[in-house]
C-alpha atoms as a PDB file:
ATOM      1  CA  MET A   1      98.310  29.670  61.350  1.00  0.00           C
ATOM      2  CA  ARG A   2     102.090  29.987  61.620  1.00  0.00           C
ATOM      3  CA  TYR A   3     101.900  33.211  59.613  1.00  0.00           C
ATOM      4  CA  LEU A   4      99.292  34.650  61.946  1.00  0.00           C
ATOM      5  CA  VAL A   5     101.385  33.788  64.999  1.00  0.00           C
ATOM      6  CA  ALA A   6     104.470  35.272  63.337  1.00  0.00           C
ATOM      7  CA  ALA A   7     102.589  38.441  62.387  1.00  0.00           C
ATOM      8  CA  LEU A   8     101.243  38.851  65.899  1.00  0.00           C
ATOM      9  CA  SER A   9     104.715  38.292  67.361  1.00  0.00           C
ATOM     10  CA  ILE A  10     106.160  40.960  65.088  1.00  0.00           C
ATOM     11  CA  ALA A  11     103.359  43.382  65.990  1.00  0.00           C
ATOM     12  CA  VAL A  12     103.906  42.859  69.726  1.00  0.00           C
ATOM     13  CA  ALA A  13     107.680  43.196  69.355  1.00  0.00           C
ATOM     14  CA  SER A  14     107.267  46.378  67.275  1.00  0.00           C
ATOM     15  CA  GLN A  15     105.015  47.929  69.911  1.00  0.00           C
ATOM     16  CA  ALA A  16     107.456  47.004  72.672  1.00  0.00           C
ATOM     17  CA  PHE A  17     110.285  48.515  70.635  1.00  0.00           C
ATOM     18  CA  ALA A  18     108.290  51.708  70.074  1.00  0.00           C
ATOM     19  CA  ASP A  19     107.445  51.919  73.774  1.00  0.00           C
ATOM     20  CA  THR A  20     111.115  51.438  74.688  1.00  0.00           C
ATOM     21  CA  LYS A  21     112.191  54.090  72.213  1.00  0.00           C
ATOM     22  CA  THR A  22     109.582  56.526  73.523  1.00  0.00           C
ATOM     23  CA  GLN A  23     110.756  55.843  77.073  1.00  0.00           C
ATOM     24  CA  LYS A  24     114.344  56.542  76.076  1.00  0.00           C
ATOM     25  CA  ILE A  25     113.323  59.752  74.350  1.00  0.00           C
ATOM     26  CA  GLU A  26     111.389  60.759  77.461  1.00  0.00           C
ATOM     27  CA  GLU A  27     114.455  60.069  79.596  1.00  0.00           C
ATOM     28  CA  LEU A  28     116.563  62.199  77.254  1.00  0.00           C
ATOM     29  CA  LEU A  29     114.000  65.019  77.254  1.00  0.00           C
ATOM     30  CA  ARG A  30     113.892  64.992  81.035  1.00  0.00           C
ATOM     31  CA  ALA A  31     117.694  65.076  81.177  1.00  0.00           C
ATOM     32  CA  GLN A  32     117.644  68.062  78.829  1.00  0.00           C
ATOM     33  CA  GLY A  33     114.996  69.799  80.934  1.00  0.00           C
ATOM     34  CA  LEU A  34     112.528  70.002  78.050  1.00  0.00           C
ATOM     35  CA  VAL A  35     109.645  68.315  79.875  1.00  0.00           C
ATOM     36  CA  ASP A  36     109.850  70.958  82.603  1.00  0.00           C
ATOM     37  CA  THR A  37     110.097  73.671  79.948  1.00  0.00           C
ATOM     38  CA  TRP A  38     106.948  72.412  78.256  1.00  0.00           C
ATOM     39  CA  ALA A  39     105.098  72.264  81.575  1.00  0.00           C
ATOM     40  CA  GLU A  40     106.134  75.876  82.186  1.00  0.00           C
ATOM     41  CA  GLN A  41     104.905  76.865  78.710  1.00  0.00           C
ATOM     42  CA  ILE A  42     101.526  75.293  79.398  1.00  0.00           C
ATOM     43  CA  GLN A  43     101.337  77.228  82.662  1.00  0.00           C
ATOM     44  CA  ARG A  44     102.291  80.454  80.870  1.00  0.00           C
ATOM     45  CA  GLY A  45      99.495  79.777  78.377  1.00  0.00           C
ATOM     46  CA  LYS A  46      96.996  79.566  81.232  1.00  0.00           C
ATOM     47  CA  GLU A  47      98.303  82.839  82.638  1.00  0.00           C
ATOM     48  CA  TYR A  48      98.056  84.444  79.196  1.00  0.00           C
ATOM     49  CA  ASN A  49      94.425  83.328  78.909  1.00  0.00           C
ATOM     50  CA  LYS A  50      93.705  85.046  82.232  1.00  0.00           C
ATOM     51  CA  GLN A  51      95.291  88.235  80.915  1.00  0.00           C
ATOM     52  CA  VAL A  52      93.189  88.061  77.750  1.00  0.00           C
ATOM     53  CA  ALA A  53      90.059  87.573  79.861  1.00  0.00           C
ATOM     54  CA  GLN A  54      90.916  90.600  81.991  1.00  0.00           C
ATOM     55  CA  GLN A  55      91.625  92.774  78.936  1.00  0.00           C
ATOM     56  CA  VAL A  56      88.407  91.809  77.180  1.00  0.00           C
ATOM     57  CA  MET A  57      86.443  92.265  80.399  1.00  0.00           C
ATOM     58  CA  GLY A  58      87.957  95.705  80.874  1.00  0.00           C
ATOM     59  CA  GLN A  59      86.991  96.726  77.360  1.00  0.00           C
ATOM     60  CA  MET A  60      83.471  95.336  77.656  1.00  0.00           C
ATOM     61  CA  THR A  61      82.706  96.833  81.059  1.00  0.00           C
ATOM     62  CA  ALA A  62      84.579 100.157  80.844  1.00  0.00           C
ATOM     63  CA  LYS A  63      81.351 102.099  80.421  1.00  0.00           C
ATOM     64  CA  LEU A  64      79.235  99.986  82.771  1.00  0.00           C
ATOM     65  CA  ALA A  65      78.375 100.170  86.427  1.00  0.00           C
ATOM     66  CA  PRO A  66      76.980  96.675  87.042  1.00  0.00           C
ATOM     67  CA  ASN A  67      75.381  95.702  90.322  1.00  0.00           C
ATOM     68  CA  GLU A  68      76.679  92.698  92.321  1.00  0.00           C
ATOM     69  CA  GLU A  69      74.573  90.171  90.426  1.00  0.00           C
ATOM     70  CA  PHE A  70      75.986  91.270  87.081  1.00  0.00           C
ATOM     71  CA  LYS A  71      79.532  91.546  88.462  1.00  0.00           C
ATOM     72  CA  LYS A  72      79.205  87.876  89.423  1.00  0.00           C
ATOM     73  CA  ARG A  73      77.867  87.012  85.973  1.00  0.00           C
ATOM     74  CA  PHE A  74      80.740  88.842  84.287  1.00  0.00           C
ATOM     75  CA  ASP A  75      83.201  86.996  86.557  1.00  0.00           C
ATOM     76  CA  ALA A  76      81.512  83.675  85.758  1.00  0.00           C
ATOM     77  CA  ALA A  77      81.780  84.387  82.030  1.00  0.00           C
ATOM     78  CA  SER A  78      85.458  85.183  82.512  1.00  0.00           C
ATOM     79  CA  ASP A  79      86.021  81.922  84.399  1.00  0.00           C
ATOM     80  CA  LYS A  80      84.153  80.033  81.663  1.00  0.00           C
ATOM     81  CA  PHE A  81      86.406  81.566  79.007  1.00  0.00           C
ATOM     82  CA  ILE A  82      89.577  80.704  80.931  1.00  0.00           C
ATOM     83  CA  ASP A  83      88.419  77.113  81.448  1.00  0.00           C
ATOM     84  CA  SER A  84      87.419  76.640  77.802  1.00  0.00           C
ATOM     85  CA  ALA A  85      90.703  78.079  76.485  1.00  0.00           C
ATOM     86  CA  VAL A  86      92.870  75.600  78.396  1.00  0.00           C
ATOM     87  CA  THR A  87      94.773  73.272  76.119  1.00  0.00           C
ATOM     88  CA  PRO A  88      93.822  69.661  76.808  1.00  0.00           C
ATOM     89  CA  TRP A  89      97.362  68.217  76.616  1.00  0.00           C
ATOM     90  CA  THR A  90     100.059  67.888  79.244  1.00  0.00           C
ATOM     91  CA  ALA A  91     103.843  67.963  79.066  1.00  0.00           C
ATOM     92  CA  ASP A  92     103.730  64.149  79.045  1.00  0.00           C
ATOM     93  CA  ASP A  93     101.410  64.229  76.030  1.00  0.00           C
ATOM     94  CA  MET A  94     103.913  66.521  74.361  1.00  0.00           C
ATOM     95  CA  VAL A  95     106.659  63.951  75.017  1.00  0.00           C
ATOM     96  CA  ASP A  96     104.675  61.382  73.034  1.00  0.00           C
ATOM     97  CA  VAL A  97     104.237  63.766  70.095  1.00  0.00           C
ATOM     98  CA  TRP A  98     107.900  64.777  70.259  1.00  0.00           C
ATOM     99  CA  ALA A  99     108.871  61.088  70.182  1.00  0.00           C
ATOM    100  CA  LYS A 100     106.771  60.649  67.034  1.00  0.00           C
ATOM    101  CA  PHE A 101     108.568  63.478  65.207  1.00  0.00           C
ATOM    102  CA  TYR A 102     111.991  63.019  66.791  1.00  0.00           C
ATOM    103  CA  GLY A 103     112.259  59.264  67.239  1.00  0.00           C
ATOM    104  CA  PRO A 104     112.738  58.294  63.589  1.00  0.00           C
ATOM    105  CA  GLY A 105     115.982  60.278  63.559  1.00  0.00           C
ATOM    106  CA  PHE A 106     117.731  57.975  66.052  1.00  0.00           C
ATOM    107  CA  THR A 107     118.252  54.321  66.779  1.00  0.00           C
ATOM    108  CA  ASP A 108     117.883  52.820  70.230  1.00  0.00           C
ATOM    109  CA  ALA A 109     121.669  52.611  70.583  1.00  0.00           C
ATOM    110  CA  GLU A 110     122.053  56.265  69.655  1.00  0.00           C
ATOM    111  CA  LEU A 111     119.483  57.267  72.269  1.00  0.00           C
ATOM    112  CA  ASP A 112     121.434  55.308  74.886  1.00  0.00           C
ATOM    113  CA  GLN A 113     124.575  57.191  73.906  1.00  0.00           C
ATOM    114  CA  LEU A 114     122.770  60.543  74.052  1.00  0.00           C
ATOM    115  CA  ILE A 115     121.464  59.861  77.508  1.00  0.00           C
ATOM    116  CA  ALA A 116     124.861  58.740  78.801  1.00  0.00           C
ATOM    117  CA  PHE A 117     127.145  61.043  76.807  1.00  0.00           C
ATOM    118  CA  TYR A 118     125.226  64.169  75.868  1.00  0.00           C
ATOM    119  CA  SER A 119     128.471  66.067  75.353  1.00  0.00           C
ATOM    120  CA  SER A 120     129.720  63.581  72.719  1.00  0.00           C
ATOM    121  CA  PRO A 121     129.849  64.297  68.972  1.00  0.00           C
ATOM    122  CA  LEU A 122     126.497  62.562  68.728  1.00  0.00           C
ATOM    123  CA  ALA A 123     125.051  65.466  70.684  1.00  0.00           C
ATOM    124  CA  GLN A 124     125.682  67.673  67.657  1.00  0.00           C
ATOM    125  CA  LYS A 125     123.488  65.417  65.557  1.00  0.00           C
ATOM    126  CA  GLU A 126     120.841  65.498  68.264  1.00  0.00           C
ATOM    127  CA  ILE A 127     120.799  69.272  68.134  1.00  0.00           C
ATOM    128  CA  GLN A 128     120.251  69.247  64.361  1.00  0.00           C
ATOM    129  CA  VAL A 129     117.443  66.682  64.533  1.00  0.00           C
ATOM    130  CA  SER A 130     115.874  68.581  67.440  1.00  0.00           C
ATOM    131  CA  ARG A 131     115.786  71.774  65.450  1.00  0.00           C
ATOM    132  CA  ALA A 132     114.122  70.029  62.510  1.00  0.00           C
ATOM    133  CA  ALA A 133     111.584  68.303  64.775  1.00  0.00           C
ATOM    134  CA  LEU A 134     110.909  71.453  66.807  1.00  0.00           C
ATOM    135  CA  GLU A 135     109.473  73.279  63.811  1.00  0.00           C
ATOM    136  CA  LYS A 136     106.963  70.480  63.117  1.00  0.00           C
ATOM    137  CA  PHE A 137     106.275  70.044  66.841  1.00  0.00           C
ATOM    138  CA  THR A 138     105.558  73.738  67.385  1.00  0.00           C
ATOM    139  CA  LEU A 139     103.336  73.932  64.326  1.00  0.00           C
ATOM    140  CA  HIS A 140     101.428  70.845  65.498  1.00  0.00           C
ATOM    141  CA  PHE A 141     100.453  72.396  68.831  1.00  0.00           C
ATOM    142  CA  GLN A 142      99.815  75.835  67.353  1.00  0.00           C
ATOM    143  CA  GLN A 143      97.368  74.262  64.930  1.00  0.00           C
ATOM    144  CA  LEU A 144      95.719  72.254  67.712  1.00  0.00           C
ATOM    145  CA  ASN A 145      95.386  75.282  69.967  1.00  0.00           C
ATOM    146  CA  GLN A 146      94.094  77.827  67.445  1.00  0.00           C
ATOM    147  CA  PRO A 147      90.510  76.514  67.148  1.00  0.00           C
ATOM    148  CA  ILE A 148      90.298  76.022  70.920  1.00  0.00           C
ATOM    149  CA  LEU A 149      91.263  79.622  71.597  1.00  0.00           C
ATOM    150  CA  GLU A 150      89.102  81.023  68.802  1.00  0.00           C
ATOM    151  CA  LYS A 151      86.040  79.117  69.991  1.00  0.00           C
ATOM    152  CA  ALA A 152      86.607  80.137  73.603  1.00  0.00           C
ATOM    153  CA  THR A 153      87.159  83.789  72.678  1.00  0.00           C
ATOM    154  CA  ASN A 154      84.045  83.938  70.492  1.00  0.00           C
ATOM    155  CA  GLN A 155      81.921  82.355  73.197  1.00  0.00           C
ATOM    156  CA  TYR A 156      83.395  84.712  75.799  1.00  0.00           C
ATOM    157  CA  MET A 157      82.542  87.761  73.698  1.00  0.00           C
ATOM    158  CA  GLN A 158      78.985  86.488  73.162  1.00  0.00           C
ATOM    159  CA  ASP A 159      78.574  85.828  76.891  1.00  0.00           C
ATOM    160  CA  LEU A 160      79.808  89.309  77.792  1.00  0.00           C
ATOM    161  CA  GLN A 161      77.580  90.953  75.171  1.00  0.00           C
ATOM    162  CA  LEU A 162      74.541  89.099  76.518  1.00  0.00           C
ATOM    163  CA  ILE A 163      75.353  90.055  80.096  1.00  0.00           C
ATOM    164  CA  THR A 164      75.958  93.670  79.020  1.00  0.00           C
ATOM    165  CA  ALA A 165      72.611  93.816  77.252  1.00  0.00           C
ATOM    166  CA  GLU A 166      70.805  92.327  80.262  1.00  0.00           C
ATOM    167  CA  CYS A 167      72.685  94.460  82.767  1.00  0.00           C
ATOM    168  CA  ASN A 168      71.295  97.768  81.535  1.00  0.00           C
ATOM    169  CA  CYS A 169      73.906  99.402  83.696  1.00  0.00           C
ATOM    170  CA  ALA A 170      75.695 101.896  81.417  1.00  0.00           C
ATOM    171  CA  LYS A 171      77.327 104.842  83.199  1.00  0.00           C
END
């Protein structure tokens, strides 16, 4: 029984330590402006998806003269594509993943020093660890996003082809 209590105590303490470390990393990332940068990147991704939708729509409808009903259907298909291509994570979710890749490189005390003294020699180490983590971090989200975008794009093309076939509105 003592071993079970000890094991549970260690598990709870480890989780609390991990939470504290993640919080410190979040504080550091906010101080560095990275959380805002990631939020901006997510927003740029949404804007890019809109551009893709407009380009595909332009290509699909260039030789069509759809009536109002089919214009609405094309617009609905475009909206559906944009909605389905949205990445499901937030900048805060990205903080958690960053902490997973970045956190092992620093102790709690080092994180405290980074937050307080970002211009110290320790900051140079932080830059090196950041660069190493950034590669894995970027690859992680690229891999997560690729099937989402591919699925959304394929569905969008199918939707537009179906609407085009039903429209019977070639110029």
